[in-house]
Each structure stands twice: as structure tokens, then as C-alpha cells.
Amino acid sequence: MKLLGAIIILVAATWTGFEAARHLSERPRQLRQLKAALQALEAEIMYGHVPLHEAAIHLAKQMPKPLTWFFEGFAKKLIDGETSVKQAWDKSLEEVWKFTALKQGEQEVLKQFGETLGQHDRNAQQKHIILALTHLEREESEAREKQARYEKMVKSLGFLTGLLLVILLM
């Protein structure tokens, strides 16, 4: 019975370490996807000349989850027309944020971008998209650095914590 308990503790702690490491590796991936979404939004605005809600629908079809959920919610709020573009952006961001691995810095960049969305002509909007992409690039390089530095350590720490608990409980 003790052996079974020890195995369960070890597996649970190791799994916790791997989940934390997955969160570290998920953040750079989601940042890359977000940058691709903003670049696609720029193309839709500059070259497609489509309304913002249609661009959001197109992006929702192209992006993986949780970005799909974000752009679907954003498009739905714009189509309903009950809120401004900024409010629709902020509400959609707030609804989906808990499903992402992104941090507060990325949220601030996206909120600032949402404040300018739909407020300017195409050229000014393109400049705001480029600015947001620059900020997200900086956040992505920081996320990759953290991943490289801590991912292996977090995995090992999970296993070693489980091992320590088993030793202490025996």
C-alpha cells in the first residue's frame, strides 16, 4: 500500500512539473500566433478593404484556439453593435484571457492596441499594428528566454519534489 501511495505522489508531482513546463513553452507559441493574427489583420485592413467584423471572422477561421474564441467573440460583439470597437475588443480579451498562457505585459499591449482599433485611417492603423507587433516581438523574445532557462529545471523540480515527499513520508 505504501508503494502505491509513493508512486501516486511521485507521478502527481512529476505531472505538476511537466504542466508548469508546458505553460512556459505555450507562451512563446501563443505570442507567435498572436503576431501572425495581427499581421493577417493588417493585410485584411490594408489590402482586403473589409470591415472590421468580417476581418475578425476571417481571422477566427484561420487561428487556433484560444485566438479563435477571441476573434469570434470580437466579431459577434461588433455585429451585435451594442458596444464600441474598444469595448468589444476589451470584453473579448477579458473573456478569453484565462485560457491563454500570456502574461500581463501582453495584455497591456493588446489593450492599448484595442484603443486605437477602428479609430484611424488605414495608414495610421497600419502603424499601430506595427507598433503592437514590435512590443509583442519583445515579449516573445523574453518568453523564449524564460522557456530556455526554466523549462528543464521546472520538470526536474516536479520530479524531485515528488521524490522528496516520498522519502519524507516513508
Protein backbone atom coordinates (compact mmCIF):
# COMPACT_ATOMS: atom_id res chain seq x y z
CA MET A 1 0.00 0.00 0.00
CA LYS A 2 2.86 2.37 0.83
CA LEU A 3 4.46 1.65 -2.53
CA LEU A 4 1.24 2.51 -4.38
CA GLY A 5 0.93 5.78 -2.43
CA ALA A 6 4.56 6.62 -3.15
CA ILE A 7 4.05 6.02 -6.87
CA ILE A 8 0.93 8.19 -6.91
CA ILE A 9 2.73 11.05 -5.12
CA LEU A 10 5.71 10.78 -7.46
CA VAL A 11 3.53 10.74 -10.59
CA ALA A 12 1.40 13.67 -9.37
CA ALA A 13 4.41 15.84 -8.54
CA THR A 14 6.12 14.97 -11.82
CA TRP A 15 2.93 15.75 -13.73
CA THR A 16 2.70 19.12 -11.96
CA GLY A 17 6.26 19.94 -13.05
CA PHE A 18 5.50 18.98 -16.64
CA GLU A 19 2.33 21.12 -16.62
CA ALA A 20 4.30 24.13 -15.40
CA ALA A 21 6.88 23.49 -18.14
CA ARG A 22 4.10 23.22 -20.73
CA HIS A 23 2.83 26.63 -19.63
CA LEU A 24 6.34 28.03 -20.19
CA SER A 25 6.50 26.58 -23.71
CA GLU A 26 2.93 27.57 -24.55
CA ARG A 27 3.53 31.30 -24.05
CA PRO A 28 6.03 31.82 -26.93
CA ARG A 29 3.84 29.72 -29.23
CA GLN A 30 0.75 31.79 -28.44
CA LEU A 31 2.72 35.00 -28.91
CA ARG A 32 3.79 33.84 -32.39
CA GLN A 33 0.17 33.04 -33.20
CA LEU A 34 -0.94 36.43 -31.92
CA LYS A 35 1.68 38.18 -34.07
CA ALA A 36 0.50 36.20 -37.09
CA ALA A 37 -3.09 37.22 -36.31
CA LEU A 38 -2.16 40.90 -36.16
CA GLN A 39 -0.24 40.60 -39.43
CA ALA A 40 -3.27 38.95 -41.03
CA LEU A 41 -5.46 41.72 -39.62
CA GLU A 42 -3.13 44.27 -41.18
CA ALA A 43 -3.43 42.53 -44.55
CA GLU A 44 -7.22 42.42 -44.27
CA ILE A 45 -7.37 46.13 -43.44
CA MET A 46 -4.76 47.37 -45.91
CA TYR A 47 -5.33 45.16 -48.92
CA GLY A 48 -8.69 43.47 -48.43
CA HIS A 49 -10.55 46.66 -47.51
CA VAL A 50 -13.01 44.57 -45.48
CA PRO A 51 -14.95 45.82 -42.46
CA LEU A 52 -13.50 45.01 -39.07
CA HIS A 53 -16.13 42.42 -38.13
CA GLU A 54 -15.52 40.49 -41.38
CA ALA A 55 -11.77 40.61 -40.81
CA ALA A 56 -12.32 39.21 -37.31
CA ILE A 57 -14.46 36.39 -38.74
CA HIS A 58 -11.73 35.55 -41.26
CA LEU A 59 -9.12 35.51 -38.50
CA ALA A 60 -11.30 33.30 -36.30
CA LYS A 61 -11.36 30.72 -39.08
CA GLN A 62 -7.58 30.80 -39.53
CA MET A 63 -6.30 30.88 -35.96
CA PRO A 64 -6.04 28.06 -33.42
CA LYS A 65 -7.73 28.18 -30.04
CA PRO A 66 -7.82 30.33 -27.87
CA LEU A 67 -7.34 33.04 -30.53
CA THR A 68 -10.29 31.62 -32.45
CA TRP A 69 -12.51 32.22 -29.45
CA PHE A 70 -11.18 35.75 -29.09
CA PHE A 71 -11.85 36.78 -32.68
CA GLU A 72 -15.23 35.01 -32.75
CA GLY A 73 -16.32 36.90 -29.65
CA PHE A 74 -14.95 40.15 -31.02
CA ALA A 75 -16.79 39.72 -34.34
CA LYS A 76 -20.03 38.79 -32.56
CA LYS A 77 -19.86 41.87 -30.35
CA LEU A 78 -19.19 44.09 -33.38
CA ILE A 79 -22.07 42.57 -35.34
CA ASP A 80 -24.44 43.00 -32.39
CA GLY A 81 -23.42 46.65 -32.40
CA GLU A 82 -24.16 47.19 -28.72
CA THR A 83 -20.65 48.39 -27.87
CA SER A 84 -17.82 50.38 -29.40
CA VAL A 85 -14.85 48.67 -31.05
CA LYS A 86 -12.70 49.33 -27.98
CA GLN A 87 -15.29 47.87 -25.60
CA ALA A 88 -15.84 44.83 -27.83
CA TRP A 89 -12.06 44.28 -28.01
CA ASP A 90 -11.62 44.64 -24.24
CA LYS A 91 -14.57 42.38 -23.38
CA SER A 92 -13.41 39.69 -25.81
CA LEU A 93 -9.89 39.93 -24.42
CA GLU A 94 -11.16 39.60 -20.87
CA GLU A 95 -13.35 36.57 -21.70
CA VAL A 96 -10.54 34.62 -23.38
CA TRP A 97 -7.58 35.73 -21.26
CA LYS A 98 -7.92 32.96 -18.67
CA PHE A 99 -7.49 30.35 -21.41
CA THR A 100 -4.15 31.74 -22.58
CA ALA A 101 -0.62 31.36 -21.28
CA LEU A 102 0.04 35.06 -21.85
CA LYS A 103 1.16 37.49 -19.16
CA GLN A 104 0.15 40.98 -18.03
CA GLY A 105 2.60 42.68 -20.43
CA GLU A 106 0.93 41.15 -23.47
CA GLN A 107 -2.48 42.09 -22.12
CA GLU A 108 -1.43 45.73 -21.80
CA VAL A 109 -0.08 45.76 -25.37
CA LEU A 110 -3.35 44.31 -26.66
CA LYS A 111 -5.48 46.72 -24.62
CA GLN A 112 -3.51 49.69 -25.96
CA PHE A 113 -3.90 48.34 -29.48
CA GLY A 114 -7.63 47.91 -28.92
CA GLU A 115 -7.93 51.57 -28.01
CA THR A 116 -6.69 52.59 -31.46
CA LEU A 117 -8.50 49.90 -33.46
CA GLY A 118 -11.04 51.37 -35.84
CA GLN A 119 -10.21 54.94 -34.82
CA HIS A 120 -7.87 55.92 -37.65
CA ASP A 121 -7.44 55.63 -41.40
CA ARG A 122 -5.69 52.62 -42.94
CA ASN A 123 -2.17 54.04 -42.85
CA ALA A 124 -2.38 55.13 -39.21
CA GLN A 125 -3.96 51.79 -38.32
CA GLN A 126 -1.06 50.01 -40.02
CA LYS A 127 1.40 51.99 -37.89
CA HIS A 128 -0.46 50.97 -34.73
CA ILE A 129 -0.37 47.32 -35.80
CA ILE A 130 3.38 47.56 -36.45
CA LEU A 131 3.87 49.13 -33.03
CA ALA A 132 1.89 46.33 -31.36
CA LEU A 133 3.90 43.75 -33.31
CA THR A 134 7.14 45.33 -32.12
CA HIS A 135 6.00 45.13 -28.50
CA LEU A 136 4.86 41.52 -28.95
CA GLU A 137 8.20 40.64 -30.53
CA ARG A 138 9.97 41.92 -27.42
CA GLU A 139 7.61 39.91 -25.19
CA GLU A 140 8.17 36.80 -27.32
CA SER A 141 11.95 37.03 -27.03
CA GLU A 142 11.57 37.37 -23.25
CA ALA A 143 9.24 34.35 -23.19
CA ARG A 144 11.67 32.25 -25.24
CA GLU A 145 14.47 33.23 -22.88
CA LYS A 146 12.42 32.20 -19.84
CA GLN A 147 11.46 28.96 -21.53
CA ALA A 148 15.08 28.10 -22.32
CA ARG A 149 16.19 29.00 -18.81
CA TYR A 150 13.46 27.39 -16.71
CA GLU A 151 11.66 24.65 -18.65
CA LYS A 152 14.05 21.79 -17.88
CA MET A 153 14.50 22.98 -14.30
CA VAL A 154 10.73 23.01 -13.65
CA LYS A 155 10.35 19.47 -14.98
CA SER A 156 13.19 18.24 -12.78
CA LEU A 157 11.89 20.17 -9.79
CA GLY A 158 8.49 18.48 -10.08
CA PHE A 159 10.07 15.02 -10.06
CA LEU A 160 12.48 15.86 -7.26
CA THR A 161 9.72 17.37 -5.11
CA GLY A 162 7.73 14.16 -5.51
CA LEU A 163 10.78 12.13 -4.60
CA LEU A 164 11.38 14.27 -1.51
CA LEU A 165 7.77 13.83 -0.39
CA VAL A 166 8.02 10.07 -0.82
CA ILE A 167 11.24 9.94 1.20
CA LEU A 168 9.79 12.11 3.96
CA LEU A 169 6.59 10.04 4.19
CA MET A 170 8.33 6.66 4.25
